[in-house]
Amino acid sequence: MVTIRLTRRGGKKDPFYHVVVTDSRKRQGGTSLEQVGIFNPIARGKEIKLRLDIARIDAWLAKGAKASERVAALVKDYRKQQQAETPAAA
């Protein structure tokens, strides 16, 4: 089964995650099919906290991929953030 999950990068006490599409049977830090975003939980200043390629995530979900609980929550928050930035048509 194909899974969309986080892969930890960064140093000790400085986490940084890649949002990747991978085979669920592969180990967490192993090879992935595609990187579809980044997540920096301790972003400082003007650093980017979350960036996702929603089009690619939707494409993988349409093909049957399953998102982890954390990734599903991040995608939901990211969609809300994008809607808030885009003014509604009157």
N, C-alpha and C. Protein backbone atom coordinates (compact mmCIF):
# COMPACT_ATOMS: atom_id res chain seq x y z
N MET A 1 0.84 -1.17 0.00
CA MET A 1 0.00 0.00 0.00
C MET A 1 0.89 1.25 0.00
N VAL A 2 0.46 2.26 -0.68
CA VAL A 2 1.20 3.52 -0.75
C VAL A 2 0.70 4.45 0.36
N THR A 3 1.65 5.08 1.05
CA THR A 3 1.34 5.94 2.18
C THR A 3 1.98 7.31 2.01
N ILE A 4 1.29 8.34 2.45
CA ILE A 4 1.85 9.68 2.50
C ILE A 4 2.16 9.94 3.97
N ARG A 5 3.45 10.13 4.27
CA ARG A 5 3.86 10.28 5.66
C ARG A 5 5.03 11.23 5.80
N LEU A 6 5.41 11.51 7.05
CA LEU A 6 6.52 12.39 7.33
C LEU A 6 7.81 11.58 7.46
N THR A 7 8.91 12.15 6.97
CA THR A 7 10.23 11.57 7.15
C THR A 7 11.09 12.62 7.83
N ARG A 8 11.66 12.26 8.96
CA ARG A 8 12.41 13.24 9.75
C ARG A 8 13.79 13.50 9.15
N ARG A 9 14.12 14.76 9.10
CA ARG A 9 15.44 15.22 8.70
C ARG A 9 15.87 16.25 9.73
N GLY A 10 17.01 16.86 9.57
CA GLY A 10 17.45 17.88 10.52
C GLY A 10 18.31 17.28 11.61
N GLY A 11 18.74 18.11 12.51
CA GLY A 11 19.65 17.68 13.57
C GLY A 11 18.96 17.40 14.88
N LYS A 12 19.79 17.08 15.87
CA LYS A 12 19.29 16.82 17.20
C LYS A 12 18.64 18.08 17.76
N LYS A 13 17.45 17.94 18.28
CA LYS A 13 16.65 19.05 18.82
C LYS A 13 16.35 20.12 17.79
N ASP A 14 16.44 19.79 16.52
CA ASP A 14 16.11 20.71 15.43
C ASP A 14 15.40 19.93 14.33
N PRO A 15 14.18 19.46 14.61
CA PRO A 15 13.49 18.60 13.64
C PRO A 15 13.05 19.35 12.39
N PHE A 16 13.05 18.63 11.30
CA PHE A 16 12.59 19.12 10.01
C PHE A 16 12.06 17.89 9.28
N TYR A 17 10.91 18.01 8.67
CA TYR A 17 10.28 16.84 8.06
C TYR A 17 10.01 17.06 6.58
N HIS A 18 10.16 15.99 5.81
CA HIS A 18 9.74 15.97 4.42
C HIS A 18 8.43 15.19 4.39
N VAL A 19 7.47 15.66 3.62
CA VAL A 19 6.22 14.92 3.41
C VAL A 19 6.45 14.11 2.14
N VAL A 20 6.45 12.79 2.28
CA VAL A 20 6.81 11.92 1.16
C VAL A 20 5.73 10.89 0.89
N VAL A 21 5.70 10.43 -0.35
CA VAL A 21 4.85 9.33 -0.77
C VAL A 21 5.76 8.11 -0.86
N THR A 22 5.41 7.05 -0.14
CA THR A 22 6.28 5.88 -0.09
C THR A 22 5.46 4.61 0.08
N ASP A 23 6.11 3.49 -0.16
CA ASP A 23 5.49 2.19 0.08
C ASP A 23 5.45 1.98 1.59
N SER A 24 4.32 1.60 2.13
CA SER A 24 4.17 1.47 3.58
C SER A 24 5.06 0.38 4.16
N ARG A 25 5.53 -0.54 3.33
CA ARG A 25 6.38 -1.63 3.81
C ARG A 25 7.84 -1.21 3.94
N LYS A 26 8.19 -0.06 3.37
CA LYS A 26 9.57 0.43 3.45
C LYS A 26 9.80 1.10 4.80
N ARG A 27 11.05 1.16 5.22
CA ARG A 27 11.35 1.80 6.50
C ARG A 27 11.16 3.31 6.40
N GLN A 28 11.06 3.95 7.53
CA GLN A 28 10.68 5.36 7.60
C GLN A 28 11.67 6.26 6.89
N GLY A 29 12.95 6.02 6.95
CA GLY A 29 13.93 6.90 6.33
C GLY A 29 14.40 6.42 4.97
N GLY A 30 13.78 5.38 4.45
CA GLY A 30 14.23 4.79 3.19
C GLY A 30 13.84 5.58 1.97
N THR A 31 13.95 4.94 0.82
CA THR A 31 13.63 5.61 -0.43
C THR A 31 12.13 5.91 -0.51
N SER A 32 11.81 6.96 -1.22
CA SER A 32 10.41 7.35 -1.38
C SER A 32 10.09 7.49 -2.85
N LEU A 33 8.81 7.45 -3.17
CA LEU A 33 8.37 7.60 -4.56
C LEU A 33 8.41 9.05 -4.99
N GLU A 34 8.01 9.96 -4.09
CA GLU A 34 7.95 11.38 -4.42
C GLU A 34 7.89 12.21 -3.15
N GLN A 35 8.57 13.35 -3.16
CA GLN A 35 8.46 14.30 -2.06
C GLN A 35 7.40 15.33 -2.44
N VAL A 36 6.40 15.51 -1.57
CA VAL A 36 5.28 16.39 -1.89
C VAL A 36 5.17 17.58 -0.94
N GLY A 37 6.14 17.77 -0.06
CA GLY A 37 6.08 18.93 0.81
C GLY A 37 7.12 18.90 1.90
N ILE A 38 7.11 19.98 2.71
CA ILE A 38 8.00 20.09 3.86
C ILE A 38 7.21 20.58 5.06
N PHE A 39 7.70 20.25 6.25
CA PHE A 39 7.09 20.69 7.50
C PHE A 39 8.19 21.01 8.49
N ASN A 40 8.21 22.25 8.97
CA ASN A 40 9.19 22.70 9.94
C ASN A 40 8.43 23.11 11.20
N PRO A 41 8.34 22.23 12.21
CA PRO A 41 7.52 22.53 13.38
C PRO A 41 8.05 23.67 14.25
N ILE A 42 9.33 24.00 14.13
CA ILE A 42 9.89 25.08 14.95
C ILE A 42 10.45 26.19 14.08
N ALA A 43 9.68 26.59 13.08
CA ALA A 43 10.10 27.67 12.18
C ALA A 43 10.25 28.97 12.96
N ARG A 44 11.33 29.67 12.66
CA ARG A 44 11.61 30.94 13.34
C ARG A 44 11.63 32.05 12.30
N GLY A 45 11.16 33.20 12.70
CA GLY A 45 11.22 34.36 11.82
C GLY A 45 10.43 34.16 10.54
N LYS A 46 11.11 34.33 9.41
CA LYS A 46 10.45 34.22 8.11
C LYS A 46 10.61 32.84 7.48
N GLU A 47 11.06 31.87 8.25
CA GLU A 47 11.19 30.51 7.73
C GLU A 47 9.81 29.94 7.41
N ILE A 48 9.76 29.10 6.41
CA ILE A 48 8.50 28.48 6.01
C ILE A 48 8.18 27.34 6.97
N LYS A 49 6.97 27.37 7.53
CA LYS A 49 6.57 26.32 8.46
C LYS A 49 6.00 25.10 7.72
N LEU A 50 5.21 25.36 6.70
CA LEU A 50 4.56 24.27 5.99
C LEU A 50 4.39 24.63 4.52
N ARG A 51 4.81 23.72 3.64
CA ARG A 51 4.60 23.90 2.21
C ARG A 51 4.23 22.53 1.64
N LEU A 52 3.07 22.46 1.00
CA LEU A 52 2.58 21.21 0.43
C LEU A 52 2.20 21.41 -1.02
N ASP A 53 2.40 20.38 -1.82
CA ASP A 53 1.94 20.38 -3.20
C ASP A 53 0.58 19.66 -3.21
N ILE A 54 -0.46 20.42 -2.97
CA ILE A 54 -1.81 19.87 -2.81
C ILE A 54 -2.27 19.11 -4.06
N ALA A 55 -1.90 19.59 -5.22
CA ALA A 55 -2.31 18.91 -6.47
C ALA A 55 -1.73 17.49 -6.51
N ARG A 56 -0.47 17.35 -6.14
CA ARG A 56 0.16 16.02 -6.16
C ARG A 56 -0.40 15.13 -5.05
N ILE A 57 -0.68 15.71 -3.89
CA ILE A 57 -1.26 14.93 -2.79
C ILE A 57 -2.63 14.43 -3.20
N ASP A 58 -3.45 15.29 -3.80
CA ASP A 58 -4.77 14.87 -4.27
C ASP A 58 -4.67 13.78 -5.33
N ALA A 59 -3.68 13.89 -6.21
CA ALA A 59 -3.48 12.88 -7.25
C ALA A 59 -3.15 11.52 -6.62
N TRP A 60 -2.28 11.52 -5.62
CA TRP A 60 -1.93 10.26 -4.95
C TRP A 60 -3.11 9.70 -4.17
N LEU A 61 -3.86 10.57 -3.51
CA LEU A 61 -5.03 10.09 -2.77
C LEU A 61 -6.07 9.49 -3.71
N ALA A 62 -6.21 10.08 -4.91
CA ALA A 62 -7.15 9.56 -5.90
C ALA A 62 -6.72 8.18 -6.40
N LYS A 63 -5.42 7.93 -6.39
CA LYS A 63 -4.89 6.63 -6.82
C LYS A 63 -4.97 5.58 -5.73
N GLY A 64 -5.40 5.98 -4.52
CA GLY A 64 -5.57 5.01 -3.45
C GLY A 64 -4.57 5.11 -2.32
N ALA A 65 -3.71 6.10 -2.32
CA ALA A 65 -2.75 6.27 -1.24
C ALA A 65 -3.48 6.68 0.04
N LYS A 66 -2.92 6.31 1.17
CA LYS A 66 -3.49 6.68 2.47
C LYS A 66 -2.54 7.64 3.16
N ALA A 67 -3.08 8.71 3.71
CA ALA A 67 -2.27 9.67 4.45
C ALA A 67 -2.22 9.27 5.92
N SER A 68 -1.06 9.48 6.55
CA SER A 68 -0.96 9.23 7.99
C SER A 68 -1.83 10.25 8.72
N GLU A 69 -2.09 10.00 9.99
CA GLU A 69 -2.96 10.91 10.76
C GLU A 69 -2.37 12.31 10.79
N ARG A 70 -1.07 12.42 11.01
CA ARG A 70 -0.43 13.73 11.10
C ARG A 70 -0.47 14.45 9.77
N VAL A 71 -0.20 13.74 8.68
CA VAL A 71 -0.23 14.37 7.36
C VAL A 71 -1.65 14.80 7.01
N ALA A 72 -2.64 13.99 7.34
CA ALA A 72 -4.03 14.37 7.08
C ALA A 72 -4.39 15.66 7.81
N ALA A 73 -3.92 15.81 9.05
CA ALA A 73 -4.18 17.03 9.82
C ALA A 73 -3.45 18.22 9.20
N LEU A 74 -2.21 18.02 8.73
CA LEU A 74 -1.46 19.09 8.10
C LEU A 74 -2.12 19.55 6.81
N VAL A 75 -2.60 18.60 6.02
CA VAL A 75 -3.27 18.93 4.76
C VAL A 75 -4.54 19.73 5.03
N LYS A 76 -5.29 19.31 6.03
CA LYS A 76 -6.52 20.01 6.40
C LYS A 76 -6.22 21.46 6.80
N ASP A 77 -5.20 21.64 7.65
CA ASP A 77 -4.81 22.99 8.08
C ASP A 77 -4.31 23.82 6.92
N TYR A 78 -3.55 23.21 6.02
CA TYR A 78 -3.00 23.92 4.88
C TYR A 78 -4.11 24.40 3.94
N ARG A 79 -5.12 23.55 3.75
CA ARG A 79 -6.26 23.95 2.90
C ARG A 79 -7.01 25.14 3.52
N LYS A 80 -7.21 25.12 4.84
CA LYS A 80 -7.86 26.24 5.53
C LYS A 80 -7.04 27.51 5.37
N GLN A 81 -5.73 27.38 5.50
CA GLN A 81 -4.82 28.52 5.36
C GLN A 81 -4.89 29.10 3.96
N GLN A 82 -4.94 28.25 2.94
CA GLN A 82 -5.02 28.70 1.55
C GLN A 82 -6.34 29.40 1.29
N GLN A 83 -7.44 28.89 1.84
CA GLN A 83 -8.73 29.52 1.66
C GLN A 83 -8.79 30.88 2.33
N ALA A 84 -8.14 31.01 3.48
CA ALA A 84 -8.12 32.28 4.19
C ALA A 84 -7.32 33.34 3.42
N GLU A 85 -6.27 32.92 2.72
CA GLU A 85 -5.44 33.84 1.95
C GLU A 85 -6.12 34.26 0.67
N THR A 86 -6.94 33.40 0.08
CA THR A 86 -7.63 33.70 -1.16
C THR A 86 -8.98 34.35 -0.84
N PRO A 87 -9.18 35.59 -1.26
CA PRO A 87 -10.46 36.25 -0.97
C PRO A 87 -11.60 35.57 -1.74
N ALA A 88 -12.74 35.45 -1.08
CA ALA A 88 -13.91 34.82 -1.71
C ALA A 88 -14.51 35.78 -2.74
N ALA A 89 -14.99 35.20 -3.84
CA ALA A 89 -15.64 36.01 -4.88
C ALA A 89 -17.00 36.47 -4.39
N ALA A 90 -17.30 37.72 -4.57
CA ALA A 90 -18.57 38.26 -4.08
C ALA A 90 -19.63 38.25 -5.15
